[in-house]
Amino acid sequence: MEIEVVYYDNSNDDPPSLESLEEEGFSDVIFSHLREVKLKRYLRTKRGMRLIKLILAKSPVLIRILINPLYVESGAFKTLAKLSKFQQASPKAKVVYDMDGSFD
């Protein structure tokens, strides 16, 4: 199974319901068929980082998360390093930062 998330909101403000993406709120959920995730026009926000963290922690057969940022920022490599430290349910999971939009 593959999902695609496209970000349209270009606001970096996180809503009050941000805690709804906390991993603890999904203790009984497993994305057991999720193999690939594409995040298009990704904005590095707290909400977006928590979504990725949740997907990595709850997807035991995940192969990769493809991230296409809305714009390339100076912190892109720091973001990738931070993402690589998140707990992963799948030992095969890779996070790929697509700087040039080649996976469109």
C-alpha atoms as a PDB file:
ATOM      1  CA  MET A   1       0.000   0.000   0.000  1.00  0.00           C
ATOM      2  CA  GLU A   2       1.193   3.493  -0.823  1.00  0.00           C
ATOM      3  CA  ILE A   3      -0.065   6.861   0.381  1.00  0.00           C
ATOM      4  CA  GLU A   4       0.652  10.309  -0.950  1.00  0.00           C
ATOM      5  CA  VAL A   5       0.373  13.455   1.128  1.00  0.00           C
ATOM      6  CA  VAL A   6       0.390  16.823  -0.630  1.00  0.00           C
ATOM      7  CA  TYR A   7       0.863  19.949   1.459  1.00  0.00           C
ATOM      8  CA  TYR A   8      -1.110  22.956   0.297  1.00  0.00           C
ATOM      9  CA  ASP A   9      -1.034  25.136   3.376  1.00  0.00           C
ATOM     10  CA  ASN A  10       2.069  27.287   3.238  1.00  0.00           C
ATOM     11  CA  SER A  11       1.674  28.489   6.811  1.00  0.00           C
ATOM     12  CA  ASN A  12       4.235  27.286   9.329  1.00  0.00           C
ATOM     13  CA  ASP A  13       1.751  27.708  12.165  1.00  0.00           C
ATOM     14  CA  ASP A  14       0.780  24.473  13.833  1.00  0.00           C
ATOM     15  CA  PRO A  15      -2.844  24.081  14.949  1.00  0.00           C
ATOM     16  CA  PRO A  16      -3.856  23.545  18.580  1.00  0.00           C
ATOM     17  CA  SER A  17      -4.619  19.884  17.777  1.00  0.00           C
ATOM     18  CA  LEU A  18      -0.923  19.174  17.212  1.00  0.00           C
ATOM     19  CA  GLU A  19      -0.854  16.629  20.034  1.00  0.00           C
ATOM     20  CA  SER A  20      -3.272  14.459  18.011  1.00  0.00           C
ATOM     21  CA  LEU A  21      -0.262  13.268  15.991  1.00  0.00           C
ATOM     22  CA  GLU A  22       1.645  12.104  19.069  1.00  0.00           C
ATOM     23  CA  GLU A  23       2.643   8.457  18.833  1.00  0.00           C
ATOM     24  CA  GLU A  24       1.083   7.671  22.223  1.00  0.00           C
ATOM     25  CA  GLY A  25      -2.350   8.465  20.784  1.00  0.00           C
ATOM     26  CA  PHE A  26      -1.883   5.640  18.282  1.00  0.00           C
ATOM     27  CA  SER A  27      -0.724   2.896  20.645  1.00  0.00           C
ATOM     28  CA  ASP A  28      -3.136   0.341  19.154  1.00  0.00           C
ATOM     29  CA  VAL A  29      -2.592   1.312  15.493  1.00  0.00           C
ATOM     30  CA  ILE A  30      -0.228  -0.365  13.039  1.00  0.00           C
ATOM     31  CA  PHE A  31       0.026   0.466   9.352  1.00  0.00           C
ATOM     32  CA  SER A  32       0.725  -3.154   8.464  1.00  0.00           C
ATOM     33  CA  HIS A  33       0.454  -2.776   4.666  1.00  0.00           C
ATOM     34  CA  LEU A  34       2.108   0.606   4.194  1.00  0.00           C
ATOM     35  CA  ARG A  35       5.210   0.219   2.034  1.00  0.00           C
ATOM     36  CA  GLU A  36       5.766   3.707   0.612  1.00  0.00           C
ATOM     37  CA  VAL A  37       4.825   7.274   1.519  1.00  0.00           C
ATOM     38  CA  LYS A  38       5.257  10.307  -0.723  1.00  0.00           C
ATOM     39  CA  LEU A  39       5.176  13.726   0.875  1.00  0.00           C
ATOM     40  CA  LYS A  40       4.869  16.344  -1.857  1.00  0.00           C
ATOM     41  CA  ARG A  41       5.395  20.066  -1.340  1.00  0.00           C
ATOM     42  CA  TYR A  42       6.507  19.233   2.209  1.00  0.00           C
ATOM     43  CA  LEU A  43       6.934  22.022   4.712  1.00  0.00           C
ATOM     44  CA  ARG A  44       9.162  21.350   7.689  1.00  0.00           C
ATOM     45  CA  THR A  45       6.764  22.023  10.539  1.00  0.00           C
ATOM     46  CA  LYS A  46       6.230  20.369  13.904  1.00  0.00           C
ATOM     47  CA  ARG A  47       3.077  18.765  12.504  1.00  0.00           C
ATOM     48  CA  GLY A  48       4.937  17.373   9.477  1.00  0.00           C
ATOM     49  CA  MET A  49       7.800  16.009  11.566  1.00  0.00           C
ATOM     50  CA  ARG A  50       5.356  14.321  13.930  1.00  0.00           C
ATOM     51  CA  LEU A  51       3.508  12.758  11.005  1.00  0.00           C
ATOM     52  CA  ILE A  52       6.764  11.275   9.687  1.00  0.00           C
ATOM     53  CA  LYS A  53       7.723  10.086  13.162  1.00  0.00           C
ATOM     54  CA  LEU A  54       4.330   8.385  13.538  1.00  0.00           C
ATOM     55  CA  ILE A  55       4.543   6.709  10.124  1.00  0.00           C
ATOM     56  CA  LEU A  56       8.053   5.399  10.799  1.00  0.00           C
ATOM     57  CA  ALA A  57       7.097   4.060  14.228  1.00  0.00           C
ATOM     58  CA  LYS A  58       3.893   2.343  13.105  1.00  0.00           C
ATOM     59  CA  SER A  59       4.778   0.853   9.680  1.00  0.00           C
ATOM     60  CA  PRO A  60       6.567  -2.502  10.011  1.00  0.00           C
ATOM     61  CA  VAL A  61       6.812  -3.177   6.245  1.00  0.00           C
ATOM     62  CA  LEU A  62       7.669   0.379   5.204  1.00  0.00           C
ATOM     63  CA  ILE A  63      10.367   0.548   2.553  1.00  0.00           C
ATOM     64  CA  ARG A  64      10.678   4.287   2.076  1.00  0.00           C
ATOM     65  CA  ILE A  65       9.338   7.743   2.690  1.00  0.00           C
ATOM     66  CA  LEU A  66       9.961  10.104  -0.216  1.00  0.00           C
ATOM     67  CA  ILE A  67       9.991  13.746   0.822  1.00  0.00           C
ATOM     68  CA  ASN A  68       9.772  16.468  -1.796  1.00  0.00           C
ATOM     69  CA  PRO A  69      10.175  19.815   0.007  1.00  0.00           C
ATOM     70  CA  LEU A  70       8.207  22.849  -1.108  1.00  0.00           C
ATOM     71  CA  TYR A  71      11.517  24.700  -1.180  1.00  0.00           C
ATOM     72  CA  VAL A  72      15.055  23.708  -0.330  1.00  0.00           C
ATOM     73  CA  GLU A  73      16.194  25.360   2.845  1.00  0.00           C
ATOM     74  CA  SER A  74      19.536  25.496   4.585  1.00  0.00           C
ATOM     75  CA  GLY A  75      18.325  23.109   7.306  1.00  0.00           C
ATOM     76  CA  ALA A  76      17.382  20.311   4.887  1.00  0.00           C
ATOM     77  CA  PHE A  77      20.342  18.117   5.792  1.00  0.00           C
ATOM     78  CA  LYS A  78      19.777  18.683   9.514  1.00  0.00           C
ATOM     79  CA  THR A  79      16.155  17.655   9.015  1.00  0.00           C
ATOM     80  CA  LEU A  80      17.216  14.472   7.240  1.00  0.00           C
ATOM     81  CA  ALA A  81      19.677  13.681  10.035  1.00  0.00           C
ATOM     82  CA  LYS A  82      16.938  14.209  12.621  1.00  0.00           C
ATOM     83  CA  LEU A  83      14.514  11.976  10.708  1.00  0.00           C
ATOM     84  CA  SER A  84      17.080   9.184  10.547  1.00  0.00           C
ATOM     85  CA  LYS A  85      17.132   9.083  14.366  1.00  0.00           C
ATOM     86  CA  PHE A  86      13.390   8.465  14.720  1.00  0.00           C
ATOM     87  CA  GLN A  87      12.291   5.023  15.917  1.00  0.00           C
ATOM     88  CA  GLN A  88      11.498   2.768  12.959  1.00  0.00           C
ATOM     89  CA  ALA A  89       9.230  -0.277  13.011  1.00  0.00           C
ATOM     90  CA  SER A  90      10.763  -1.487   9.736  1.00  0.00           C
ATOM     91  CA  PRO A  91      14.482  -2.233   9.550  1.00  0.00           C
ATOM     92  CA  LYS A  92      14.282  -1.601   5.781  1.00  0.00           C
ATOM     93  CA  ALA A  93      12.750   1.887   6.024  1.00  0.00           C
ATOM     94  CA  LYS A  94      14.627   4.665   4.287  1.00  0.00           C
ATOM     95  CA  VAL A  95      13.879   8.372   4.283  1.00  0.00           C
ATOM     96  CA  VAL A  96      14.711   9.951   0.932  1.00  0.00           C
ATOM     97  CA  TYR A  97      14.808  13.735   0.607  1.00  0.00           C
ATOM     98  CA  ASP A  98      14.004  14.498  -3.040  1.00  0.00           C
ATOM     99  CA  MET A  99      15.478  17.962  -3.625  1.00  0.00           C
ATOM    100  CA  ASP A 100      14.749  18.145  -7.353  1.00  0.00           C
ATOM    101  CA  GLY A 101      11.211  16.714  -7.480  1.00  0.00           C
ATOM    102  CA  SER A 102      12.230  13.694  -9.554  1.00  0.00           C
ATOM    103  CA  PHE A 103       9.645  11.357  -8.037  1.00  0.00           C
ATOM    104  CA  ASP A 104       6.675  13.363  -9.342  1.00  0.00           C
END
